[in-house]
Every structure is written in structure tokens, then in C-alpha cells.
C-alpha atoms as a PDB file:
ATOM      1  CA  UNK A   1       0.000   0.000   0.000  1.00  0.00           C
ATOM      2  CA  UNK A   2       1.332   3.454  -0.974  1.00  0.00           C
ATOM      3  CA  UNK A   3      -0.360   5.287   1.905  1.00  0.00           C
ATOM      4  CA  UNK A   4       2.796   5.082   4.025  1.00  0.00           C
ATOM      5  CA  UNK A   5       4.893   6.296   1.103  1.00  0.00           C
ATOM      6  CA  UNK A   6       2.511   9.220   0.531  1.00  0.00           C
ATOM      7  CA  UNK A   7       2.681  10.142   4.216  1.00  0.00           C
ATOM      8  CA  UNK A   8       6.453  10.044   3.948  1.00  0.00           C
ATOM      9  CA  UNK A   9       6.409  12.297   0.879  1.00  0.00           C
ATOM     10  CA  UNK A  10       4.275  14.869   2.682  1.00  0.00           C
ATOM     11  CA  UNK A  11       6.610  14.737   5.687  1.00  0.00           C
ATOM     12  CA  UNK A  12       9.548  15.472   3.382  1.00  0.00           C
ATOM     13  CA  UNK A  13       7.656  18.391   1.854  1.00  0.00           C
ATOM     14  CA  UNK A  14       6.631  19.827   5.221  1.00  0.00           C
ATOM     15  CA  UNK A  15      10.075  19.519   6.816  1.00  0.00           C
ATOM     16  CA  UNK A  16      12.119  20.218   3.678  1.00  0.00           C
ATOM     17  CA  UNK A  17      14.555  17.435   4.505  1.00  0.00           C
ATOM     18  CA  UNK A  18      14.772  13.642   4.422  1.00  0.00           C
ATOM     19  CA  UNK A  19      16.585  13.707   7.764  1.00  0.00           C
ATOM     20  CA  UNK A  20      13.926  15.822   9.471  1.00  0.00           C
ATOM     21  CA  UNK A  21      11.191  13.719   7.867  1.00  0.00           C
ATOM     22  CA  UNK A  22      12.767  10.603   9.355  1.00  0.00           C
ATOM     23  CA  UNK A  23      12.817  12.245  12.788  1.00  0.00           C
ATOM     24  CA  UNK A  24       9.159  13.243  12.521  1.00  0.00           C
ATOM     25  CA  UNK A  25       8.097   9.773  11.422  1.00  0.00           C
ATOM     26  CA  UNK A  26      10.388   8.103  13.972  1.00  0.00           C
ATOM     27  CA  UNK A  27      12.123   5.961  11.352  1.00  0.00           C
ATOM     28  CA  UNK A  28      15.633   5.821   9.922  1.00  0.00           C
ATOM     29  CA  UNK A  29      16.730   8.004   7.028  1.00  0.00           C
ATOM     30  CA  UNK A  30      17.310   4.891   4.958  1.00  0.00           C
ATOM     31  CA  UNK A  31      13.651   3.927   5.476  1.00  0.00           C
ATOM     32  CA  UNK A  32      12.510   7.334   4.257  1.00  0.00           C
ATOM     33  CA  UNK A  33      14.778   7.023   1.232  1.00  0.00           C
ATOM     34  CA  UNK A  34      13.476   3.540   0.446  1.00  0.00           C
ATOM     35  CA  UNK A  35       9.843   4.675   0.663  1.00  0.00           C
ATOM     36  CA  UNK A  36      10.514   7.643  -1.599  1.00  0.00           C
ATOM     37  CA  UNK A  37      12.352   5.506  -4.149  1.00  0.00           C
ATOM     38  CA  UNK A  38       9.513   2.965  -4.126  1.00  0.00           C
ATOM     39  CA  UNK A  39       6.983   5.710  -4.861  1.00  0.00           C
ATOM     40  CA  UNK A  40       9.146   7.199  -7.627  1.00  0.00           C
ATOM     41  CA  UNK A  41       9.637   3.753  -9.139  1.00  0.00           C
ATOM     42  CA  UNK A  42       5.881   3.080  -9.179  1.00  0.00           C
ATOM     43  CA  UNK A  43       5.165   6.384 -10.931  1.00  0.00           C
ATOM     44  CA  UNK A  44       8.229   6.381 -13.142  1.00  0.00           C
ATOM     45  CA  UNK A  45       8.934  10.000 -12.151  1.00  0.00           C
ATOM     46  CA  UNK A  46      11.439  11.845  -9.997  1.00  0.00           C
ATOM     47  CA  UNK A  47       9.470  13.491  -7.193  1.00  0.00           C
ATOM     48  CA  UNK A  48      12.079  15.076  -4.936  1.00  0.00           C
ATOM     49  CA  UNK A  49      15.264  16.881  -5.835  1.00  0.00           C
ATOM     50  CA  UNK A  50      17.951  16.782  -3.126  1.00  0.00           C
ATOM     51  CA  UNK A  51      20.305  19.699  -2.734  1.00  0.00           C
ATOM     52  CA  UNK A  52      22.546  21.351  -0.142  1.00  0.00           C
ATOM     53  CA  UNK A  53      19.606  23.174   1.401  1.00  0.00           C
ATOM     54  CA  UNK A  54      17.538  20.014   1.839  1.00  0.00           C
ATOM     55  CA  UNK A  55      14.916  18.649  -0.520  1.00  0.00           C
ATOM     56  CA  UNK A  56      12.583  20.333  -2.990  1.00  0.00           C
ATOM     57  CA  UNK A  57       9.758  19.074  -5.166  1.00  0.00           C
ATOM     58  CA  UNK A  58      10.067  18.477  -8.867  1.00  0.00           C
ATOM     59  CA  UNK A  59       7.188  19.408 -11.175  1.00  0.00           C
ATOM     60  CA  UNK A  60       5.872  15.836 -10.883  1.00  0.00           C
ATOM     61  CA  UNK A  61       6.218  15.961  -7.109  1.00  0.00           C
ATOM     62  CA  UNK A  62       4.226  19.175  -6.967  1.00  0.00           C
ATOM     63  CA  UNK A  63       1.410  17.585  -8.959  1.00  0.00           C
ATOM     64  CA  UNK A  64       1.396  14.503  -6.759  1.00  0.00           C
ATOM     65  CA  UNK A  65       1.304  16.595  -3.588  1.00  0.00           C
ATOM     66  CA  UNK A  66      -2.287  17.706  -4.235  1.00  0.00           C
ATOM     67  CA  UNK A  67      -3.485  14.158  -4.809  1.00  0.00           C
ATOM     68  CA  UNK A  68      -1.530  12.805  -1.846  1.00  0.00           C
ATOM     69  CA  UNK A  69      -3.255  15.273   0.482  1.00  0.00           C
ATOM     70  CA  UNK A  70      -6.693  14.329  -0.850  1.00  0.00           C
ATOM     71  CA  UNK A  71      -6.001  10.578  -0.726  1.00  0.00           C
ATOM     72  CA  UNK A  72      -4.760  10.675   2.857  1.00  0.00           C
ATOM     73  CA  UNK A  73      -7.673  12.841   3.982  1.00  0.00           C
ATOM     74  CA  UNK A  74     -10.171  10.462   2.349  1.00  0.00           C
ATOM     75  CA  UNK A  75      -8.446   7.551   4.041  1.00  0.00           C
ATOM     76  CA  UNK A  76      -8.697   9.265   7.434  1.00  0.00           C
ATOM     77  CA  UNK A  77     -12.406   9.847   6.825  1.00  0.00           C
ATOM     78  CA  UNK A  78     -12.887   6.228   5.736  1.00  0.00           C
ATOM     79  CA  UNK A  79     -11.176   4.974   8.885  1.00  0.00           C
ATOM     80  CA  UNK A  80     -13.350   7.206  11.064  1.00  0.00           C
ATOM     81  CA  UNK A  81     -16.577   6.093   9.391  1.00  0.00           C
ATOM     82  CA  UNK A  82     -15.907   2.373   9.053  1.00  0.00           C
ATOM     83  CA  UNK A  83     -14.164   1.676  12.328  1.00  0.00           C
ATOM     84  CA  UNK A  84     -16.710   0.283  14.782  1.00  0.00           C
ATOM     85  CA  UNK A  85     -16.705   2.136  18.117  1.00  0.00           C
ATOM     86  CA  UNK A  86     -16.042  -0.246  21.033  1.00  0.00           C
ATOM     87  CA  UNK A  87     -19.464   0.313  22.616  1.00  0.00           C
ATOM     88  CA  UNK A  88     -21.451  -0.113  19.374  1.00  0.00           C
ATOM     89  CA  UNK A  89     -23.068  -3.295  18.082  1.00  0.00           C
ATOM     90  CA  UNK A  90     -22.866  -2.191  14.429  1.00  0.00           C
ATOM     91  CA  UNK A  91     -22.371   0.811  12.154  1.00  0.00           C
ATOM     92  CA  UNK A  92     -24.630   1.529   9.157  1.00  0.00           C
ATOM     93  CA  UNK A  93     -24.797   4.187   6.463  1.00  0.00           C
ATOM     94  CA  UNK A  94     -28.001   5.767   5.170  1.00  0.00           C
ATOM     95  CA  UNK A  95     -28.611   7.715   1.984  1.00  0.00           C
ATOM     96  CA  UNK A  96     -31.645   9.978   1.909  1.00  0.00           C
ATOM     97  CA  UNK A  97     -33.232  12.245  -0.668  1.00  0.00           C
ATOM     98  CA  UNK A  98     -32.922  15.741   0.901  1.00  0.00           C
ATOM     99  CA  UNK A  99     -36.616  16.373   0.287  1.00  0.00           C
ATOM    100  CA  UNK A 100     -37.496  13.375   2.484  1.00  0.00           C
ATOM    101  CA  UNK A 101     -35.179  14.218   5.366  1.00  0.00           C
ATOM    102  CA  UNK A 102     -37.651  16.160   7.576  1.00  0.00           C
ATOM    103  CA  UNK A 103     -40.353  13.485   7.367  1.00  0.00           C
ATOM    104  CA  UNK A 104     -38.399  10.225   7.222  1.00  0.00           C
ATOM    105  CA  UNK A 105     -34.618  10.569   7.387  1.00  0.00           C
ATOM    106  CA  UNK A 106     -34.605  12.413  10.681  1.00  0.00           C
ATOM    107  CA  UNK A 107     -37.141   9.959  12.074  1.00  0.00           C
ATOM    108  CA  UNK A 108     -34.766   7.066  11.376  1.00  0.00           C
ATOM    109  CA  UNK A 109     -31.845   8.896  12.991  1.00  0.00           C
ATOM    110  CA  UNK A 110     -33.937   9.656  16.071  1.00  0.00           C
ATOM    111  CA  UNK A 111     -34.891   5.993  16.264  1.00  0.00           C
ATOM    112  CA  UNK A 112     -31.236   4.911  16.128  1.00  0.00           C
ATOM    113  CA  UNK A 113     -30.573   6.875  19.309  1.00  0.00           C
ATOM    114  CA  UNK A 114     -33.171   4.761  21.122  1.00  0.00           C
ATOM    115  CA  UNK A 115     -32.377   1.211  19.964  1.00  0.00           C
ATOM    116  CA  UNK A 116     -30.655  -1.372  22.156  1.00  0.00           C
ATOM    117  CA  UNK A 117     -27.958  -2.577  21.790  1.00  0.00           C
ATOM    118  CA  UNK A 118     -26.612   0.759  20.489  1.00  0.00           C
ATOM    119  CA  UNK A 119     -25.667   1.110  16.825  1.00  0.00           C
ATOM    120  CA  UNK A 120     -24.015   3.938  14.879  1.00  0.00           C
ATOM    121  CA  UNK A 121     -25.488   5.555  11.771  1.00  0.00           C
ATOM    122  CA  UNK A 122     -24.051   8.021   9.271  1.00  0.00           C
ATOM    123  CA  UNK A 123     -26.404   9.884   6.912  1.00  0.00           C
ATOM    124  CA  UNK A 124     -25.732  11.262   3.432  1.00  0.00           C
ATOM    125  CA  UNK A 125     -27.905  13.395   1.127  1.00  0.00           C
ATOM    126  CA  UNK A 126     -28.158  12.321  -2.498  1.00  0.00           C
ATOM    127  CA  UNK A 127     -30.233  12.375  -5.666  1.00  0.00           C
ATOM    128  CA  UNK A 128     -32.254   9.292  -6.674  1.00  0.00           C
ATOM    129  CA  UNK A 129     -29.430   8.363  -9.045  1.00  0.00           C
ATOM    130  CA  UNK A 130     -26.866   8.729  -6.253  1.00  0.00           C
ATOM    131  CA  UNK A 131     -28.915   6.571  -3.883  1.00  0.00           C
ATOM    132  CA  UNK A 132     -29.345   3.796  -6.437  1.00  0.00           C
ATOM    133  CA  UNK A 133     -25.627   3.757  -7.184  1.00  0.00           C
ATOM    134  CA  UNK A 134     -24.608   3.897  -3.537  1.00  0.00           C
ATOM    135  CA  UNK A 135     -26.959   1.082  -2.557  1.00  0.00           C
ATOM    136  CA  UNK A 136     -25.916  -1.120  -5.485  1.00  0.00           C
ATOM    137  CA  UNK A 137     -22.229  -0.547  -4.724  1.00  0.00           C
ATOM    138  CA  UNK A 138     -22.568  -1.058  -0.983  1.00  0.00           C
ATOM    139  CA  UNK A 139     -21.653   2.527  -0.100  1.00  0.00           C
ATOM    140  CA  UNK A 140     -24.853   2.814   1.951  1.00  0.00           C
ATOM    141  CA  UNK A 141     -26.860   0.126   3.708  1.00  0.00           C
ATOM    142  CA  UNK A 142     -30.228   1.921   3.667  1.00  0.00           C
ATOM    143  CA  UNK A 143     -31.759   4.370   1.187  1.00  0.00           C
ATOM    144  CA  UNK A 144     -34.904   6.508   1.284  1.00  0.00           C
ATOM    145  CA  UNK A 145     -36.038   7.755  -2.116  1.00  0.00           C
ATOM    146  CA  UNK A 146     -38.984   8.532  -4.354  1.00  0.00           C
ATOM    147  CA  UNK A 147     -37.956   6.012  -7.012  1.00  0.00           C
ATOM    148  CA  UNK A 148     -38.069   2.226  -6.799  1.00  0.00           C
ATOM    149  CA  UNK A 149     -34.969   0.058  -6.517  1.00  0.00           C
ATOM    150  CA  UNK A 150     -34.526  -2.891  -8.833  1.00  0.00           C
ATOM    151  CA  UNK A 151     -31.849  -5.446  -7.935  1.00  0.00           C
ATOM    152  CA  UNK A 152     -31.675  -9.019  -6.715  1.00  0.00           C
ATOM    153  CA  UNK A 153     -29.650  -7.896  -3.681  1.00  0.00           C
ATOM    154  CA  UNK A 154     -31.921  -4.979  -2.764  1.00  0.00           C
ATOM    155  CA  UNK A 155     -35.096  -5.363  -0.745  1.00  0.00           C
ATOM    156  CA  UNK A 156     -37.810  -2.735  -0.827  1.00  0.00           C
ATOM    157  CA  UNK A 157     -38.914  -2.783   2.778  1.00  0.00           C
ATOM    158  CA  UNK A 158     -41.811  -0.390   2.452  1.00  0.00           C
ATOM    159  CA  UNK A 159     -43.762   1.798   0.117  1.00  0.00           C
ATOM    160  CA  UNK A 160     -45.469   4.947   1.371  1.00  0.00           C
ATOM    161  CA  UNK A 161     -48.105   6.713  -0.651  1.00  0.00           C
ATOM    162  CA  UNK A 162     -47.821  10.317   0.441  1.00  0.00           C
ATOM    163  CA  UNK A 163     -50.544  12.851  -0.309  1.00  0.00           C
ATOM    164  CA  UNK A 164     -49.647  16.016  -2.225  1.00  0.00           C
ATOM    165  CA  UNK A 165     -52.076  18.908  -1.786  1.00  0.00           C
ATOM    166  CA  UNK A 166     -52.320  22.383  -3.235  1.00  0.00           C
ATOM    167  CA  UNK A 167     -51.576  24.946  -0.540  1.00  0.00           C
ATOM    168  CA  UNK A 168     -51.168  28.698  -0.443  1.00  0.00           C
ATOM    169  CA  UNK A 169     -50.271  31.603   1.785  1.00  0.00           C
ATOM    170  CA  UNK A 170     -53.973  32.477   1.965  1.00  0.00           C
ATOM    171  CA  UNK A 171     -57.135  30.329   1.566  1.00  0.00           C
ATOM    172  CA  UNK A 172     -58.587  32.208  -1.417  1.00  0.00           C
ATOM    173  CA  UNK A 173     -55.755  31.405  -3.821  1.00  0.00           C
ATOM    174  CA  UNK A 174     -57.180  30.264  -7.183  1.00  0.00           C
ATOM    175  CA  UNK A 175     -56.903  26.599  -8.106  1.00  0.00           C
ATOM    176  CA  UNK A 176     -56.076  27.454 -11.723  1.00  0.00           C
ATOM    177  CA  UNK A 177     -54.164  30.277 -13.373  1.00  0.00           C
ATOM    178  CA  UNK A 178     -52.675  31.565 -10.130  1.00  0.00           C
ATOM    179  CA  UNK A 179     -49.970  34.109 -11.125  1.00  0.00           C
ATOM    180  CA  UNK A 180     -48.139  33.171  -7.921  1.00  0.00           C
ATOM    181  CA  UNK A 181     -48.163  29.422  -8.610  1.00  0.00           C
ATOM    182  CA  UNK A 182     -44.886  27.665  -7.824  1.00  0.00           C
ATOM    183  CA  UNK A 183     -44.161  24.378  -9.571  1.00  0.00           C
ATOM    184  CA  UNK A 184     -42.446  21.725  -7.442  1.00  0.00           C
ATOM    185  CA  UNK A 185     -40.806  18.729  -9.105  1.00  0.00           C
ATOM    186  CA  UNK A 186     -42.120  15.707  -7.211  1.00  0.00           C
ATOM    187  CA  UNK A 187     -40.894  13.168  -9.760  1.00  0.00           C
ATOM    188  CA  UNK A 188     -41.877  11.702 -13.104  1.00  0.00           C
ATOM    189  CA  UNK A 189     -45.274  10.373 -12.034  1.00  0.00           C
ATOM    190  CA  UNK A 190     -46.333  13.689 -10.528  1.00  0.00           C
ATOM    191  CA  UNK A 191     -45.181  15.561 -13.635  1.00  0.00           C
ATOM    192  CA  UNK A 192     -47.280  13.281 -15.838  1.00  0.00           C
ATOM    193  CA  UNK A 193     -50.391  13.576 -13.651  1.00  0.00           C
ATOM    194  CA  UNK A 194     -49.915  17.327 -13.226  1.00  0.00           C
ATOM    195  CA  UNK A 195     -49.767  17.886 -16.979  1.00  0.00           C
ATOM    196  CA  UNK A 196     -52.877  15.772 -17.499  1.00  0.00           C
ATOM    197  CA  UNK A 197     -54.817  17.741 -14.855  1.00  0.00           C
ATOM    198  CA  UNK A 198     -53.540  21.204 -15.793  1.00  0.00           C
ATOM    199  CA  UNK A 199     -53.034  20.813 -19.548  1.00  0.00           C
ATOM    200  CA  UNK A 200     -54.202  24.383 -20.158  1.00  0.00           C
ATOM    201  CA  UNK A 201     -51.877  25.963 -17.585  1.00  0.00           C
ATOM    202  CA  UNK A 202     -49.035  28.305 -18.434  1.00  0.00           C
ATOM    203  CA  UNK A 203     -45.460  27.484 -17.417  1.00  0.00           C
ATOM    204  CA  UNK A 204     -44.836  28.537 -13.810  1.00  0.00           C
ATOM    205  CA  UNK A 205     -42.427  31.457 -13.491  1.00  0.00           C
ATOM    206  CA  UNK A 206     -40.915  29.966 -10.335  1.00  0.00           C
ATOM    207  CA  UNK A 207     -40.109  26.272  -9.892  1.00  0.00           C
ATOM    208  CA  UNK A 208     -38.167  24.212  -7.377  1.00  0.00           C
ATOM    209  CA  UNK A 209     -36.743  20.722  -7.211  1.00  0.00           C
ATOM    210  CA  UNK A 210     -37.284  20.690  -3.442  1.00  0.00           C
ATOM    211  CA  UNK A 211     -40.490  20.805  -1.402  1.00  0.00           C
ATOM    212  CA  UNK A 212     -38.568  22.382   1.464  1.00  0.00           C
ATOM    213  CA  UNK A 213     -37.297  25.250  -0.669  1.00  0.00           C
ATOM    214  CA  UNK A 214     -40.723  25.759  -2.209  1.00  0.00           C
ATOM    215  CA  UNK A 215     -42.386  25.921   1.211  1.00  0.00           C
ATOM    216  CA  UNK A 216     -39.847  28.423   2.534  1.00  0.00           C
ATOM    217  CA  UNK A 217     -40.165  30.558  -0.584  1.00  0.00           C
ATOM    218  CA  UNK A 218     -43.969  30.558  -0.433  1.00  0.00           C
ATOM    219  CA  UNK A 219     -43.972  31.512   3.247  1.00  0.00           C
ATOM    220  CA  UNK A 220     -41.650  34.432   2.525  1.00  0.00           C
ATOM    221  CA  UNK A 221     -43.136  35.635  -0.779  1.00  0.00           C
ATOM    222  CA  UNK A 222     -46.637  34.247  -1.046  1.00  0.00           C
ATOM    223  CA  UNK A 223     -48.068  32.005  -3.747  1.00  0.00           C
ATOM    224  CA  UNK A 224     -49.338  28.457  -4.033  1.00  0.00           C
ATOM    225  CA  UNK A 225     -47.805  25.054  -4.750  1.00  0.00           C
ATOM    226  CA  UNK A 226     -48.235  21.318  -4.268  1.00  0.00           C
ATOM    227  CA  UNK A 227     -46.566  20.045  -1.096  1.00  0.00           C
ATOM    228  CA  UNK A 228     -46.679  16.777   0.888  1.00  0.00           C
ATOM    229  CA  UNK A 229     -49.144  16.809   3.779  1.00  0.00           C
ATOM    230  CA  UNK A 230     -46.508  15.575   6.220  1.00  0.00           C
ATOM    231  CA  UNK A 231     -44.281  18.578   5.465  1.00  0.00           C
ATOM    232  CA  UNK A 232     -46.876  21.309   6.040  1.00  0.00           C
ATOM    233  CA  UNK A 233     -49.033  19.840   8.828  1.00  0.00           C
ATOM    234  CA  UNK A 234     -47.717  22.210  11.513  1.00  0.00           C
ATOM    235  CA  UNK A 235     -48.050  25.306   9.332  1.00  0.00           C
ATOM    236  CA  UNK A 236     -51.626  24.366   8.393  1.00  0.00           C
ATOM    237  CA  UNK A 237     -52.562  23.960  12.061  1.00  0.00           C
ATOM    238  CA  UNK A 238     -51.150  27.414  12.860  1.00  0.00           C
ATOM    239  CA  UNK A 239     -52.777  29.060   9.803  1.00  0.00           C
ATOM    240  CA  UNK A 240     -49.465  29.919   8.181  1.00  0.00           C
ATOM    241  CA  UNK A 241     -50.351  27.766   5.186  1.00  0.00           C
ATOM    242  CA  UNK A 242     -53.834  26.976   3.863  1.00  0.00           C
ATOM    243  CA  UNK A 243     -55.077  23.983   1.877  1.00  0.00           C
ATOM    244  CA  UNK A 244     -56.865  25.252  -1.247  1.00  0.00           C
ATOM    245  CA  UNK A 245     -60.414  23.865  -1.419  1.00  0.00           C
ATOM    246  CA  UNK A 246     -61.505  22.115  -4.597  1.00  0.00           C
ATOM    247  CA  UNK A 247     -57.986  21.496  -5.920  1.00  0.00           C
ATOM    248  CA  UNK A 248     -57.007  18.097  -7.377  1.00  0.00           C
ATOM    249  CA  UNK A 249     -54.810  15.992  -5.120  1.00  0.00           C
ATOM    250  CA  UNK A 250     -51.915  13.762  -6.121  1.00  0.00           C
ATOM    251  CA  UNK A 251     -49.807  11.085  -4.461  1.00  0.00           C
ATOM    252  CA  UNK A 252     -46.144  10.164  -4.584  1.00  0.00           C
ATOM    253  CA  UNK A 253     -44.507   6.942  -3.476  1.00  0.00           C
ATOM    254  CA  UNK A 254     -41.676   6.832  -0.962  1.00  0.00           C
ATOM    255  CA  UNK A 255     -39.385   3.799  -0.889  1.00  0.00           C
ATOM    256  CA  UNK A 256     -37.196   2.517   1.930  1.00  0.00           C
ATOM    257  CA  UNK A 257     -34.718  -0.044   0.647  1.00  0.00           C
ATOM    258  CA  UNK A 258     -31.730  -1.882   1.996  1.00  0.00           C
ATOM    259  CA  UNK A 259     -29.013  -4.055   0.521  1.00  0.00           C
ATOM    260  CA  UNK A 260     -29.472  -7.687   1.539  1.00  0.00           C
ATOM    261  CA  UNK A 261     -26.243  -9.608   2.059  1.00  0.00           C
ATOM    262  CA  UNK A 262     -25.176 -12.497   4.225  1.00  0.00           C
ATOM    263  CA  UNK A 263     -23.049 -10.055   6.183  1.00  0.00           C
ATOM    264  CA  UNK A 264     -26.049  -7.895   7.077  1.00  0.00           C
ATOM    265  CA  UNK A 265     -26.482  -8.169  10.803  1.00  0.00           C
ATOM    266  CA  UNK A 266     -29.755  -8.887  12.540  1.00  0.00           C
ATOM    267  CA  UNK A 267     -29.564  -5.385  14.015  1.00  0.00           C
ATOM    268  CA  UNK A 268     -30.180  -3.919  10.542  1.00  0.00           C
ATOM    269  CA  UNK A 269     -33.341  -5.967  10.066  1.00  0.00           C
ATOM    270  CA  UNK A 270     -34.462  -5.015  13.565  1.00  0.00           C
ATOM    271  CA  UNK A 271     -33.837  -1.326  12.857  1.00  0.00           C
ATOM    272  CA  UNK A 272     -35.853  -1.428   9.642  1.00  0.00           C
ATOM    273  CA  UNK A 273     -38.736  -3.214  11.325  1.00  0.00           C
ATOM    274  CA  UNK A 274     -38.783  -0.710  14.187  1.00  0.00           C
ATOM    275  CA  UNK A 275     -38.764   2.109  11.655  1.00  0.00           C
ATOM    276  CA  UNK A 276     -41.727   0.600   9.817  1.00  0.00           C
ATOM    277  CA  UNK A 277     -43.636   0.127  13.042  1.00  0.00           C
ATOM    278  CA  UNK A 278     -42.893   3.697  14.057  1.00  0.00           C
ATOM    279  CA  UNK A 279     -44.131   5.028  10.711  1.00  0.00           C
ATOM    280  CA  UNK A 280     -47.362   3.057  11.077  1.00  0.00           C
ATOM    281  CA  UNK A 281     -47.918   4.593  14.488  1.00  0.00           C
ATOM    282  CA  UNK A 282     -47.267   8.161  13.363  1.00  0.00           C
ATOM    283  CA  UNK A 283     -48.595   8.271   9.803  1.00  0.00           C
ATOM    284  CA  UNK A 284     -51.928   7.873   8.081  1.00  0.00           C
ATOM    285  CA  UNK A 285     -50.154   6.135   5.183  1.00  0.00           C
ATOM    286  CA  UNK A 286     -49.888   2.355   5.050  1.00  0.00           C
ATOM    287  CA  UNK A 287     -46.592   0.528   4.437  1.00  0.00           C
ATOM    288  CA  UNK A 288     -46.684  -2.483   2.196  1.00  0.00           C
ATOM    289  CA  UNK A 289     -43.714  -4.834   2.336  1.00  0.00           C
ATOM    290  CA  UNK A 290     -42.617  -5.763  -1.162  1.00  0.00           C
ATOM    291  CA  UNK A 291     -39.606  -7.525  -2.628  1.00  0.00           C
END
């Protein structure tokens, strides 16, 4: 592995000397020299030029320095994220569509803090394409998205049908031809159904790819848009947002999926089941297990 050699190269750069680099790394100068020569041999390039004043980088060494710093930092992050803490039963990684974080991603994280024995969870935002790739490649163990997952190794643990309603900053907003209408991209199915229902509508001047952004914008500037009921429940109760009477309603599907492998611990299955049970207790939507 060249990680040690890269660390040695950076030590040489930072100290300006092979001798001082050896002292910092607590190894002999011959070891430093051997590591440097091994790295230069692998790349076929001279990286360090020795002179009376110490050591300086060649043009190739300067180029490698940037990559060496990135590689070592990524390795430190990988060690921190994959190393299992001594008091933890397991560590898992979740990918979540940012738009679903307030309703579902945060709920799963909150649940992790309550489970016994304790497990660790890291969470990453990503697009549907990111989540599919990460789950297929084993980068994440769990994914929450608005698009289905298709793979022999991936189980779709639940499917939520979430209601999308037309809301506005005041209750008398028009259902059609509202000059303040904000289009929110809720996925391919919503786009198809929206076009079919509002085929005579003009193109919205303002559009968002995030329900959260659209809600914040509407609260600050007024207007109307389609948002998931679970996202605006509190604002509706406090009369900050109003559901527009007589407007068509749509649904979107939310998928929780996980990668099924022989190495998957029972704690992962337990976590998913607890999450499903919690959703059933706190949501009006039904979860249907499906492979």
C-alpha cells in the first residue's frame, strides 16, 4: 500500500529534509529514502530533488502533492466512518433524498438513538441516481427515495403513498391560473399527472426541485404550490399555510430499501422493522412490504 509512502512524501515536503522527515516519522533516514524511491519507481517519475539546502519538489512531485493530500484525507475519513466504536453493536450508512429528510430521514436517525444494543449511523444526502448507485455498490446500507430500486440484492422494505395537496399563503388562492403558482418537481409520475390535470396551464415562473425550498419561498413571498401533507401539517394547524379547497390531489410513493447480504447483521433488520412500526404509528399512510 502506498499510503505510508505518501505520508512520507508529505513529511519530506513539510520539513524540507529527508533527515527531518525521518525524525518526525520516527524511522531511519534509509527507510525514508526507500519509501521515496519505491513511490518514484511506481510512478516512473522523480518526485524530490535533493540539494545542499535540503529537498525540494520536482514538477511531478508538486502535482502529486495535491493528490496525496486528498487521498490521505479520504483515508482518514474512511477509517473514522468504518471503524466500529467499542461500545457499538454495528455501524450503518443511510442515503436519503434531501426532500425526504424532515419526514423520514430524521425519524430514522432519532430511532437509532433509542435502539438497544446501540448502533451507529451516518447519513448522506443524495439524488435518486446517487442513492441507487450507492446502494448497489454497498456505499450505503439503507436508502430513502422517491424512485423504486430494482436489484436481486436490494429489498424494498416499504412503500409509502404520500398525499400532495395544493396549498397557499392564503385560503382564497385560485386553483387554476394563479400568477403566484410555484411548480415543485415531485418526480416523473407527478409531472405526468400534473400535466394531465392542468393541460391548459401556463409554465410557472418559479419552480423548485425541493419541497422544502418551495415551502420556505412561499412563506416568505406568497403564492401556491403542491406540497406533501406531512411537510406542512404544523403550518396548516397554525394558519401559516392553507389547503386550497376544490384542488385536485396527487400522491407520490416513498421507498425505503436496503441491501441484503449475508453479512447484514440482525440489528439492521431489527432497525428497519422498528422504523416501519414507528411510521405506522405516526402516519396515516400504510406501508406495504414488497420484494
